[in-house]
C-alpha atoms as a PDB file:
ATOM      1  CA  MET A   1     -14.717  -4.775 -22.772  1.00  0.00           C
ATOM      2  CA  THR A   2     -14.092  -0.918 -24.369  1.00  0.00           C
ATOM      3  CA  LEU A   3     -11.369   1.286 -23.788  1.00  0.00           C
ATOM      4  CA  HIS A   4     -13.130   3.694 -21.924  1.00  0.00           C
ATOM      5  CA  LYS A   5     -14.163   0.368 -19.549  1.00  0.00           C
ATOM      6  CA  LYS A   6     -10.952  -0.843 -19.383  1.00  0.00           C
ATOM      7  CA  VAL A   7      -9.412   2.396 -18.528  1.00  0.00           C
ATOM      8  CA  LEU A   8     -11.910   2.851 -15.844  1.00  0.00           C
ATOM      9  CA  SER A   9     -11.538  -0.968 -14.648  1.00  0.00           C
ATOM     10  CA  THR A  10      -7.358  -0.647 -13.948  1.00  0.00           C
ATOM     11  CA  ILE A  11      -7.252   2.822 -13.063  1.00  0.00           C
ATOM     12  CA  LEU A  12     -10.184   2.760 -10.680  1.00  0.00           C
ATOM     13  CA  GLY A  13      -8.909  -0.455  -9.427  1.00  0.00           C
ATOM     14  CA  GLY A  14      -5.915   1.296  -8.504  1.00  0.00           C
ATOM     15  CA  ALA A  15      -7.384   3.752  -6.477  1.00  0.00           C
ATOM     16  CA  VAL A  16      -9.526   1.378  -4.434  1.00  0.00           C
ATOM     17  CA  GLY A  17      -6.965  -0.623  -3.412  1.00  0.00           C
ATOM     18  CA  ASP A  18      -4.848   2.214  -2.842  1.00  0.00           C
ATOM     19  CA  ALA A  19      -7.607   3.609  -0.421  1.00  0.00           C
ATOM     20  CA  LEU A  20      -7.772   0.320   1.167  1.00  0.00           C
ATOM     21  CA  GLY A  21      -3.805   0.483   2.077  1.00  0.00           C
ATOM     22  CA  VAL A  22      -3.892   4.138   3.350  1.00  0.00           C
ATOM     23  CA  PRO A  23      -5.265   3.404   6.746  1.00  0.00           C
ATOM     24  CA  VAL A  24      -2.711   0.586   7.580  1.00  0.00           C
ATOM     25  CA  GLU A  25       0.181   2.172   6.097  1.00  0.00           C
ATOM     26  CA  PHE A  26       3.322   0.471   7.570  1.00  0.00           C
ATOM     27  CA  LYS A  27       1.634  -1.576   9.467  1.00  0.00           C
ATOM     28  CA  LYS A  28       2.742  -5.084  10.535  1.00  0.00           C
ATOM     29  CA  ARG A  29       1.250  -8.021   9.045  1.00  0.00           C
ATOM     30  CA  ASP A  30      -0.788  -9.805  11.113  1.00  0.00           C
ATOM     31  CA  THR A  31      -1.895  -6.859  13.624  1.00  0.00           C
ATOM     32  CA  PHE A  32      -4.994  -5.765  11.808  1.00  0.00           C
ATOM     33  CA  ARG A  33      -6.976  -7.137   9.360  1.00  0.00           C
ATOM     34  CA  ILE A  34      -8.997  -5.480   6.941  1.00  0.00           C
ATOM     35  CA  THR A  35     -11.958  -6.317   5.422  1.00  0.00           C
ATOM     36  CA  THR A  36     -13.491  -3.230   3.682  1.00  0.00           C
ATOM     37  CA  MET A  37     -13.035   0.723   3.152  1.00  0.00           C
ATOM     38  CA  THR A  38     -11.918   2.035   6.556  1.00  0.00           C
ATOM     39  CA  GLY A  39     -10.667   5.383   7.640  1.00  0.00           C
ATOM     40  CA  TYR A  40      -8.248   7.257   9.673  1.00  0.00           C
ATOM     41  CA  GLY A  41      -5.550   5.130  10.765  1.00  0.00           C
ATOM     42  CA  THR A  42      -1.617   5.764   9.612  1.00  0.00           C
ATOM     43  CA  TYR A  43      -2.490   9.270   8.088  1.00  0.00           C
ATOM     44  CA  ASN A  44      -5.678  10.060   9.982  1.00  0.00           C
ATOM     45  CA  GLN A  45      -7.703  10.421   6.599  1.00  0.00           C
ATOM     46  CA  PRO A  46     -11.292  10.014   5.864  1.00  0.00           C
ATOM     47  CA  LYS A  47     -12.621   7.024   4.061  1.00  0.00           C
ATOM     48  CA  GLY A  48     -11.780   6.657   0.778  1.00  0.00           C
ATOM     49  CA  THR A  49      -8.712   8.180   0.774  1.00  0.00           C
ATOM     50  CA  TRP A  50      -6.180   7.741  -2.094  1.00  0.00           C
ATOM     51  CA  SER A  51      -2.403   8.773  -1.773  1.00  0.00           C
ATOM     52  CA  ASP A  52       0.855   8.975  -4.271  1.00  0.00           C
ATOM     53  CA  ASP A  53       0.111   6.317  -5.993  1.00  0.00           C
ATOM     54  CA  THR A  54      -3.008   7.200  -7.547  1.00  0.00           C
ATOM     55  CA  SER A  55      -1.862  10.826  -7.642  1.00  0.00           C
ATOM     56  CA  LEU A  56       1.254  10.554  -9.568  1.00  0.00           C
ATOM     57  CA  THR A  57      -0.679   8.168 -11.703  1.00  0.00           C
ATOM     58  CA  MET A  58      -3.120  10.541 -12.292  1.00  0.00           C
ATOM     59  CA  CYS A  59      -0.104  13.070 -13.261  1.00  0.00           C
ATOM     60  CA  LEU A  60       1.080  10.935 -15.930  1.00  0.00           C
ATOM     61  CA  ILE A  61      -2.366  10.304 -17.218  1.00  0.00           C
ATOM     62  CA  ASP A  62      -2.358  14.026 -17.728  1.00  0.00           C
ATOM     63  CA  ASN A  63       0.592  14.257 -19.486  1.00  0.00           C
ATOM     64  CA  LEU A  64      -0.091  11.752 -21.877  1.00  0.00           C
ATOM     65  CA  ILE A  65      -3.456  13.405 -22.588  1.00  0.00           C
ATOM     66  CA  ASP A  66      -1.475  16.208 -23.315  1.00  0.00           C
ATOM     67  CA  LYS A  67       0.982  14.797 -25.248  1.00  0.00           C
ATOM     68  CA  GLN A  68       3.752  16.324 -23.362  1.00  0.00           C
ATOM     69  CA  ASP A  69       7.307  15.597 -22.172  1.00  0.00           C
ATOM     70  CA  GLU A  70       8.856  14.347 -19.502  1.00  0.00           C
ATOM     71  CA  TYR A  71       9.609  17.919 -18.024  1.00  0.00           C
ATOM     72  CA  ASP A  72       6.031  18.707 -17.717  1.00  0.00           C
ATOM     73  CA  LEU A  73       5.394  15.802 -15.737  1.00  0.00           C
ATOM     74  CA  MET A  74       8.147  16.314 -13.663  1.00  0.00           C
ATOM     75  CA  GLN A  75       6.563  19.629 -13.203  1.00  0.00           C
ATOM     76  CA  LYS A  76       2.830  17.755 -12.640  1.00  0.00           C
ATOM     77  CA  PHE A  77       5.101  16.023  -9.838  1.00  0.00           C
ATOM     78  CA  ALA A  78       6.473  19.339  -8.500  1.00  0.00           C
ATOM     79  CA  ASN A  79       2.948  20.508  -8.174  1.00  0.00           C
ATOM     80  CA  TYR A  80       1.419  17.800  -6.165  1.00  0.00           C
ATOM     81  CA  TRP A  81       4.411  17.889  -4.067  1.00  0.00           C
ATOM     82  CA  SER A  82       3.998  21.667  -3.166  1.00  0.00           C
ATOM     83  CA  ASN A  83       0.723  23.080  -4.552  1.00  0.00           C
ATOM     84  CA  GLY A  84      -1.195  19.629  -3.274  1.00  0.00           C
ATOM     85  CA  TYR A  85      -2.301  19.117  -6.783  1.00  0.00           C
ATOM     86  CA  TRP A  86      -4.448  15.614  -7.757  1.00  0.00           C
ATOM     87  CA  THR A  87      -4.756  15.098  -4.333  1.00  0.00           C
ATOM     88  CA  PRO A  88      -8.048  13.947  -2.500  1.00  0.00           C
ATOM     89  CA  TYR A  89      -7.780  17.314  -0.449  1.00  0.00           C
ATOM     90  CA  GLY A  90      -5.795  19.855  -1.774  1.00  0.00           C
ATOM     91  CA  GLU A  91      -2.468  18.757   0.192  1.00  0.00           C
ATOM     92  CA  MET A  92      -0.021  16.195   0.087  1.00  0.00           C
ATOM     93  CA  PHE A  93       0.373  13.565   3.088  1.00  0.00           C
ATOM     94  CA  ASP A  94       2.658  11.348   1.079  1.00  0.00           C
ATOM     95  CA  ILE A  95       5.543  10.865  -1.458  1.00  0.00           C
ATOM     96  CA  GLY A  96       8.704   8.391  -2.057  1.00  0.00           C
ATOM     97  CA  ILE A  97      11.846   9.582  -1.026  1.00  0.00           C
ATOM     98  CA  ALA A  98      13.654   8.251  -4.607  1.00  0.00           C
ATOM     99  CA  THR A  99      10.712  10.691  -6.036  1.00  0.00           C
ATOM    100  CA  SER A 100      10.511  14.055  -3.846  1.00  0.00           C
ATOM    101  CA  GLU A 101      15.060  13.374  -4.178  1.00  0.00           C
ATOM    102  CA  ALA A 102      14.302  13.960  -8.120  1.00  0.00           C
ATOM    103  CA  ILE A 103      11.696  16.824  -8.064  1.00  0.00           C
ATOM    104  CA  ARG A 104      14.113  18.412  -5.681  1.00  0.00           C
ATOM    105  CA  ARG A 105      16.586  17.924  -8.869  1.00  0.00           C
ATOM    106  CA  TYR A 106      14.258  19.291 -11.268  1.00  0.00           C
ATOM    107  CA  LYS A 107      12.996  21.783  -9.054  1.00  0.00           C
ATOM    108  CA  SER A 108      17.107  22.942  -9.281  1.00  0.00           C
ATOM    109  CA  GLY A 109      17.397  23.463 -12.698  1.00  0.00           C
ATOM    110  CA  LEU A 110      19.453  20.136 -13.808  1.00  0.00           C
ATOM    111  CA  PRO A 111      18.820  18.189 -17.234  1.00  0.00           C
ATOM    112  CA  LYS A 112      16.416  15.258 -17.400  1.00  0.00           C
ATOM    113  CA  GLU A 113      19.188  12.839 -17.461  1.00  0.00           C
ATOM    114  CA  GLU A 114      20.212  13.730 -13.795  1.00  0.00           C
ATOM    115  CA  TRP A 115      16.597  13.661 -11.690  1.00  0.00           C
ATOM    116  CA  GLY A 116      16.164   9.980 -11.260  1.00  0.00           C
ATOM    117  CA  GLY A 117      18.583   8.214  -9.017  1.00  0.00           C
ATOM    118  CA  SER A 118      20.353   5.602 -10.182  1.00  0.00           C
ATOM    119  CA  ALA A 119      22.381   4.013  -7.137  1.00  0.00           C
ATOM    120  CA  GLU A 120      21.819   0.580  -5.715  1.00  0.00           C
ATOM    121  CA  TYR A 121      19.703   2.311  -2.317  1.00  0.00           C
ATOM    122  CA  ASP A 122      17.029   4.205  -5.328  1.00  0.00           C
ATOM    123  CA  ASN A 123      15.046   1.079  -5.593  1.00  0.00           C
ATOM    124  CA  GLY A 124      12.058   1.527  -4.214  1.00  0.00           C
ATOM    125  CA  ASN A 125       8.653   1.264  -5.992  1.00  0.00           C
ATOM    126  CA  GLY A 126       7.971   4.613  -6.875  1.00  0.00           C
ATOM    127  CA  ALA A 127       8.496   4.731 -10.469  1.00  0.00           C
ATOM    128  CA  LEU A 128       6.355   0.984 -10.080  1.00  0.00           C
ATOM    129  CA  MET A 129       3.633   2.458  -8.895  1.00  0.00           C
ATOM    130  CA  ARG A 130       2.962   5.248 -11.410  1.00  0.00           C
ATOM    131  CA  ILE A 131       3.597   3.152 -14.771  1.00  0.00           C
ATOM    132  CA  ALA A 132       0.177   1.260 -15.579  1.00  0.00           C
ATOM    133  CA  PRO A 133      -0.979   4.112 -17.743  1.00  0.00           C
ATOM    134  CA  LEU A 134       1.696   3.127 -20.395  1.00  0.00           C
ATOM    135  CA  ALA A 135      -0.130  -0.167 -20.724  1.00  0.00           C
ATOM    136  CA  PHE A 136      -2.491   1.697 -22.676  1.00  0.00           C
ATOM    137  CA  THR A 137      -0.849   3.931 -24.988  1.00  0.00           C
ATOM    138  CA  LEU A 138       1.543   1.148 -25.705  1.00  0.00           C
ATOM    139  CA  CYS A 139      -0.597  -1.871 -26.568  1.00  0.00           C
ATOM    140  CA  ASP A 140      -1.147  -1.305 -29.737  1.00  0.00           C
ATOM    141  CA  GLU A 141       2.746  -0.775 -30.170  1.00  0.00           C
ATOM    142  CA  PRO A 142       4.316  -3.902 -31.986  1.00  0.00           C
ATOM    143  CA  SER A 143       7.596  -3.681 -30.831  1.00  0.00           C
ATOM    144  CA  PHE A 144       8.749  -4.565 -27.878  1.00  0.00           C
ATOM    145  CA  THR A 145      11.893  -2.139 -27.953  1.00  0.00           C
ATOM    146  CA  LYS A 146      10.151   0.773 -28.773  1.00  0.00           C
ATOM    147  CA  ARG A 147       7.680  -0.539 -25.982  1.00  0.00           C
ATOM    148  CA  LYS A 148      10.802  -0.679 -23.571  1.00  0.00           C
ATOM    149  CA  GLU A 149      12.005   2.752 -24.247  1.00  0.00           C
ATOM    150  CA  GLU A 150       8.838   4.483 -23.489  1.00  0.00           C
ATOM    151  CA  ILE A 151       8.925   2.804 -20.311  1.00  0.00           C
ATOM    152  CA  GLU A 152      12.430   3.388 -19.785  1.00  0.00           C
ATOM    153  CA  ARG A 153      11.520   7.435 -20.482  1.00  0.00           C
ATOM    154  CA  ILE A 154       8.706   7.825 -18.102  1.00  0.00           C
ATOM    155  CA  ALA A 155      10.382   5.525 -15.480  1.00  0.00           C
ATOM    156  CA  HIS A 156      13.921   7.267 -15.646  1.00  0.00           C
ATOM    157  CA  VAL A 157      12.349  11.140 -14.614  1.00  0.00           C
ATOM    158  CA  THR A 158      12.530   9.503 -10.898  1.00  0.00           C
ATOM    159  CA  HIS A 159      13.892   5.933 -10.486  1.00  0.00           C
ATOM    160  CA  ARG A 160      16.878   5.477 -13.099  1.00  0.00           C
ATOM    161  CA  HIS A 161      18.297   2.183 -12.244  1.00  0.00           C
ATOM    162  CA  VAL A 162      17.850  -0.965 -14.106  1.00  0.00           C
ATOM    163  CA  ARG A 163      16.126  -2.969 -11.475  1.00  0.00           C
ATOM    164  CA  SER A 164      13.260  -0.598 -11.047  1.00  0.00           C
ATOM    165  CA  THR A 165      12.738  -0.594 -14.627  1.00  0.00           C
ATOM    166  CA  LEU A 166      13.101  -3.604 -15.642  1.00  0.00           C
ATOM    167  CA  GLY A 167      10.056  -4.249 -12.582  1.00  0.00           C
ATOM    168  CA  CYS A 168       7.853  -1.450 -14.565  1.00  0.00           C
ATOM    169  CA  ILE A 169       8.679  -3.632 -18.141  1.00  0.00           C
ATOM    170  CA  ILE A 170       7.395  -6.156 -16.653  1.00  0.00           C
ATOM    171  CA  TYR A 171       4.469  -4.735 -14.825  1.00  0.00           C
ATOM    172  CA  VAL A 172       3.718  -3.130 -17.942  1.00  0.00           C
ATOM    173  CA  GLU A 173       3.478  -6.197 -20.290  1.00  0.00           C
ATOM    174  CA  LEU A 174       1.410  -7.666 -17.863  1.00  0.00           C
ATOM    175  CA  LEU A 175      -1.267  -5.698 -17.936  1.00  0.00           C
ATOM    176  CA  ILE A 176      -1.218  -5.347 -21.523  1.00  0.00           C
ATOM    177  CA  ARG A 177      -2.067  -8.747 -21.897  1.00  0.00           C
ATOM    178  CA  LEU A 178      -4.668  -9.063 -19.159  1.00  0.00           C
ATOM    179  CA  LEU A 179      -6.283  -6.108 -21.051  1.00  0.00           C
ATOM    180  CA  ASP A 180      -5.991  -8.231 -24.224  1.00  0.00           C
ATOM    181  CA  GLY A 181      -7.830 -10.722 -22.688  1.00  0.00           C
ATOM    182  CA  ASN A 182      -5.549 -13.301 -20.765  1.00  0.00           C
ATOM    183  CA  GLU A 183      -6.390 -15.360 -18.053  1.00  0.00           C
ATOM    184  CA  PRO A 184      -4.057 -14.226 -15.117  1.00  0.00           C
ATOM    185  CA  PHE A 185      -1.488 -16.447 -15.039  1.00  0.00           C
ATOM    186  CA  GLU A 186      -1.578 -16.506 -18.898  1.00  0.00           C
ATOM    187  CA  ALA A 187      -0.891 -13.259 -19.062  1.00  0.00           C
ATOM    188  CA  TYR A 188       2.082 -13.517 -16.339  1.00  0.00           C
ATOM    189  CA  GLU A 189       3.702 -16.506 -18.246  1.00  0.00           C
ATOM    190  CA  ASN A 190       3.615 -15.119 -21.173  1.00  0.00           C
ATOM    191  CA  ALA A 191       4.849 -11.580 -20.108  1.00  0.00           C
ATOM    192  CA  VAL A 192       8.593 -12.720 -17.750  1.00  0.00           C
ATOM    193  CA  ASN A 193       8.711 -15.076 -20.882  1.00  0.00           C
ATOM    194  CA  LEU A 194       8.812 -12.674 -23.420  1.00  0.00           C
ATOM    195  CA  CYS A 195      10.444  -9.846 -21.463  1.00  0.00           C
ATOM    196  CA  GLN A 196      13.386 -12.713 -20.603  1.00  0.00           C
ATOM    197  CA  LYS A 197      13.629 -13.415 -24.536  1.00  0.00           C
ATOM    198  CA  GLN A 198      13.891  -9.661 -25.743  1.00  0.00           C
ATOM    199  CA  LEU A 199      16.547  -8.795 -22.407  1.00  0.00           C
ATOM    200  CA  THR A 200      18.803 -11.114 -22.540  1.00  0.00           C
ATOM    201  CA  GLY A 201      22.154  -9.957 -23.901  1.00  0.00           C
ATOM    202  CA  THR A 202      20.914  -6.429 -22.315  1.00  0.00           C
ATOM    203  CA  GLU A 203      22.029  -4.206 -19.217  1.00  0.00           C
ATOM    204  CA  TYR A 204      18.488  -5.944 -17.862  1.00  0.00           C
ATOM    205  CA  GLU A 205      20.154  -9.676 -17.735  1.00  0.00           C
ATOM    206  CA  ALA A 206      22.272  -8.666 -14.583  1.00  0.00           C
ATOM    207  CA  GLU A 207      19.047  -8.088 -12.748  1.00  0.00           C
ATOM    208  CA  PHE A 208      16.910 -11.281 -13.577  1.00  0.00           C
ATOM    209  CA  SER A 209      18.127 -12.896 -10.388  1.00  0.00           C
ATOM    210  CA  ALA A 210      16.570  -9.759  -8.398  1.00  0.00           C
ATOM    211  CA  TYR A 211      13.571 -10.967 -10.080  1.00  0.00           C
ATOM    212  CA  GLU A 212      14.257 -14.764 -10.216  1.00  0.00           C
ATOM    213  CA  ARG A 213      10.969 -16.040  -8.657  1.00  0.00           C
ATOM    214  CA  VAL A 214       8.821 -13.950 -10.881  1.00  0.00           C
ATOM    215  CA  LEU A 215      10.688 -14.991 -13.639  1.00  0.00           C
ATOM    216  CA  ASN A 216      11.112 -18.552 -12.908  1.00  0.00           C
ATOM    217  CA  LEU A 217       6.876 -18.612 -12.423  1.00  0.00           C
ATOM    218  CA  SER A 218       8.089 -20.221  -8.963  1.00  0.00           C
ATOM    219  CA  LEU A 219       6.454 -17.561  -7.277  1.00  0.00           C
ATOM    220  CA  PRO A 220       2.468 -18.191  -7.167  1.00  0.00           C
ATOM    221  CA  HIS A 221       3.858 -21.308  -5.488  1.00  0.00           C
ATOM    222  CA  ALA A 222       5.398 -19.380  -2.376  1.00  0.00           C
ATOM    223  CA  ALA A 223       4.182 -19.121   0.808  1.00  0.00           C
ATOM    224  CA  ARG A 224       2.608 -16.117   2.540  1.00  0.00           C
ATOM    225  CA  LYS A 225       5.691 -15.904   4.663  1.00  0.00           C
ATOM    226  CA  GLU A 226       7.944 -15.968   1.984  1.00  0.00           C
ATOM    227  CA  ILE A 227       6.214 -12.843   0.532  1.00  0.00           C
ATOM    228  CA  GLY A 228       7.757  -9.636   1.623  1.00  0.00           C
ATOM    229  CA  SER A 229       5.860  -6.714   0.836  1.00  0.00           C
ATOM    230  CA  THR A 230       7.874  -3.343   1.482  1.00  0.00           C
ATOM    231  CA  GLY A 231       8.939  -0.753  -0.912  1.00  0.00           C
ATOM    232  CA  TYR A 232      11.732  -2.085  -2.245  1.00  0.00           C
ATOM    233  CA  VAL A 233      10.836  -2.422  -5.869  1.00  0.00           C
ATOM    234  CA  VAL A 234      11.001  -6.279  -6.281  1.00  0.00           C
ATOM    235  CA  SER A 235       9.494  -6.884  -2.983  1.00  0.00           C
ATOM    236  CA  SER A 236       6.310  -4.525  -4.061  1.00  0.00           C
ATOM    237  CA  LEU A 237       6.041  -6.462  -8.244  1.00  0.00           C
ATOM    238  CA  GLU A 238       6.154 -10.011  -6.078  1.00  0.00           C
ATOM    239  CA  ALA A 239       3.824  -9.228  -3.298  1.00  0.00           C
ATOM    240  CA  SER A 240       1.238  -7.625  -6.034  1.00  0.00           C
ATOM    241  CA  LEU A 241       1.391 -10.249  -8.253  1.00  0.00           C
ATOM    242  CA  TRP A 242       1.399 -12.955  -5.740  1.00  0.00           C
ATOM    243  CA  SER A 243      -2.210 -11.575  -4.114  1.00  0.00           C
ATOM    244  CA  PHE A 244      -3.487 -10.992  -7.746  1.00  0.00           C
ATOM    245  CA  LEU A 245      -2.726 -14.723  -8.758  1.00  0.00           C
ATOM    246  CA  GLN A 246      -3.735 -16.251  -5.332  1.00  0.00           C
ATOM    247  CA  SER A 247      -7.033 -14.611  -5.729  1.00  0.00           C
ATOM    248  CA  ASP A 248     -10.211 -15.328  -7.578  1.00  0.00           C
ATOM    249  CA  ASP A 249     -12.030 -12.195  -7.770  1.00  0.00           C
ATOM    250  CA  TYR A 250     -10.926  -8.552  -7.347  1.00  0.00           C
ATOM    251  CA  GLU A 251     -12.155  -8.392  -3.692  1.00  0.00           C
ATOM    252  CA  GLU A 252      -9.951 -11.080  -2.502  1.00  0.00           C
ATOM    253  CA  ALA A 253      -6.973 -10.048  -4.543  1.00  0.00           C
ATOM    254  CA  VAL A 254      -6.654  -6.414  -3.131  1.00  0.00           C
ATOM    255  CA  LEU A 255      -7.624  -7.438   0.372  1.00  0.00           C
ATOM    256  CA  THR A 256      -5.114 -10.510   0.020  1.00  0.00           C
ATOM    257  CA  ALA A 257      -2.434  -7.298  -0.810  1.00  0.00           C
ATOM    258  CA  VAL A 258      -3.266  -5.378   1.661  1.00  0.00           C
ATOM    259  CA  ASN A 259      -3.446  -7.479   4.250  1.00  0.00           C
ATOM    260  CA  LEU A 260       0.794  -8.570   3.984  1.00  0.00           C
ATOM    261  CA  GLY A 261       1.127  -5.074   5.919  1.00  0.00           C
ATOM    262  CA  GLU A 262       3.921  -2.499   5.419  1.00  0.00           C
ATOM    263  CA  ASP A 263       3.771  -0.922   2.380  1.00  0.00           C
ATOM    264  CA  THR A 264       0.139  -1.351   1.947  1.00  0.00           C
ATOM    265  CA  ASP A 265      -1.123   1.524  -0.269  1.00  0.00           C
ATOM    266  CA  THR A 266       1.316   0.591  -3.219  1.00  0.00           C
ATOM    267  CA  ILE A 267       0.659  -2.995  -3.125  1.00  0.00           C
ATOM    268  CA  GLY A 268      -3.051  -2.666  -2.803  1.00  0.00           C
ATOM    269  CA  PHE A 269      -2.887  -0.047  -5.797  1.00  0.00           C
ATOM    270  CA  ILE A 270      -0.564  -2.088  -7.831  1.00  0.00           C
ATOM    271  CA  THR A 271      -2.730  -5.069  -7.081  1.00  0.00           C
ATOM    272  CA  GLY A 272      -5.642  -3.283  -8.098  1.00  0.00           C
ATOM    273  CA  THR A 273      -4.678  -2.198 -11.048  1.00  0.00           C
ATOM    274  CA  MET A 274      -4.464  -5.843 -12.124  1.00  0.00           C
ATOM    275  CA  ALA A 275      -7.479  -7.319 -10.637  1.00  0.00           C
ATOM    276  CA  GLY A 276      -9.080  -4.826 -12.089  1.00  0.00           C
ATOM    277  CA  ALA A 277      -8.253  -4.973 -15.291  1.00  0.00           C
ATOM    278  CA  CYS A 278      -8.844  -8.773 -15.399  1.00  0.00           C
ATOM    279  CA  TYR A 279     -12.147  -8.774 -13.249  1.00  0.00           C
ATOM    280  CA  GLN A 280     -13.393  -5.567 -15.302  1.00  0.00           C
ATOM    281  CA  LEU A 281     -14.869  -2.465 -13.664  1.00  0.00           C
ATOM    282  CA  ASP A 282     -18.490  -5.093 -12.929  1.00  0.00           C
ATOM    283  CA  GLY A 283     -16.057  -7.140 -10.473  1.00  0.00           C
ATOM    284  CA  ILE A 284     -15.012  -4.393  -8.513  1.00  0.00           C
ATOM    285  CA  PRO A 285     -17.443  -3.914  -5.682  1.00  0.00           C
ATOM    286  CA  GLU A 286     -19.373  -0.877  -6.261  1.00  0.00           C
ATOM    287  CA  GLU A 287     -19.592   0.177  -2.583  1.00  0.00           C
ATOM    288  CA  TRP A 288     -16.143   1.079  -2.779  1.00  0.00           C
ATOM    289  CA  VAL A 289     -15.868   2.514  -6.096  1.00  0.00           C
ATOM    290  CA  CYS A 290     -18.569   4.848  -4.336  1.00  0.00           C
ATOM    291  CA  GLN A 291     -16.572   5.947  -1.464  1.00  0.00           C
ATOM    292  CA  LEU A 292     -13.350   7.621  -3.082  1.00  0.00           C
ATOM    293  CA  ALA A 293     -12.581  10.917  -2.763  1.00  0.00           C
ATOM    294  CA  LYS A 294     -13.189  12.937  -6.089  1.00  0.00           C
ATOM    295  CA  LYS A 295     -14.414   9.881  -7.641  1.00  0.00           C
ATOM    296  CA  GLU A 296     -16.312  12.197 -10.399  1.00  0.00           C
ATOM    297  CA  GLU A 297     -13.015  13.692 -11.543  1.00  0.00           C
ATOM    298  CA  LEU A 298     -11.133  10.419 -11.175  1.00  0.00           C
ATOM    299  CA  ILE A 299     -13.635   8.929 -13.804  1.00  0.00           C
ATOM    300  CA  GLY A 300     -13.932  12.322 -15.748  1.00  0.00           C
ATOM    301  CA  ALA A 301     -10.039  12.059 -16.513  1.00  0.00           C
ATOM    302  CA  CYS A 302      -9.608   8.372 -16.903  1.00  0.00           C
ATOM    303  CA  LYS A 303     -12.464   8.843 -19.755  1.00  0.00           C
ATOM    304  CA  LYS A 304     -10.635  12.049 -21.496  1.00  0.00           C
ATOM    305  CA  PHE A 305      -7.168   9.481 -20.793  1.00  0.00           C
ATOM    306  CA  ALA A 306      -9.476   6.797 -23.067  1.00  0.00           C
ATOM    307  CA  ASP A 307     -10.351   9.359 -25.716  1.00  0.00           C
ATOM    308  CA  ALA A 308      -6.673  10.254 -26.042  1.00  0.00           C
ATOM    309  CA  CYS A 309      -5.520   6.621 -26.807  1.00  0.00           C
ATOM    310  CA  VAL A 310      -7.830   5.826 -29.587  1.00  0.00           C
END
């Protein structure tokens, strides 16, 4: 698979999962059933509409293409928030609390070290949901420490708590292995084993207990009723990983994820990136890709990003 196709598979895979989840965000599990792309619902948006998960991911992609700093990235986030930058129809309709608070701090002139929240209640999924592009910029970086530091740099602009960042590290390491051709469980096992080995003895070790089911490899064996699907970073990573590892193809993975309910767009997006990276572009239903809002703009930016990663 060429780099262009890897980027398209992963990012479009995420956008499709996001769009599948938008109409049913916040709905309780088993009060609905999504089987294909639908519209309206929670935000009264047309079929194929994606949300902040895709928008902020595309902001990061633009930042990485231009090789800019954290101030540029936050300005892009601020433009999304205020001016509808990288939105399907020119207007923002969804943003997380921690992300919006970080943007406010940035706009007030505070230094970058003070943008992202670091309290216990700042452990939402707002950094996790937009960090996937780093799998491409870091895939050829041999140093785990340097990969970790770059993930921290990008995550911390909105979320500085160690627990949130640990989720981002596990996720990016998993994506790197999927893009390298690892089978799903192999990629999962290799990623978590590496993270535990490299992060033992660091500040991250104190958060291993929060991710116990992920790190001890028991998560895939959990029952559906034991899987949370809220915006809490641990629940979001668990739900996405669980959905991906329960499934044999892209469609099954994202539908499993979205039908968990609650934070359906983000869990759909994260699962979609994993499944897209694994099952490739041909594995994503073409009908769903064609229904995406601003499909050509998404594809164009992904291709430009792939070129910048070479």
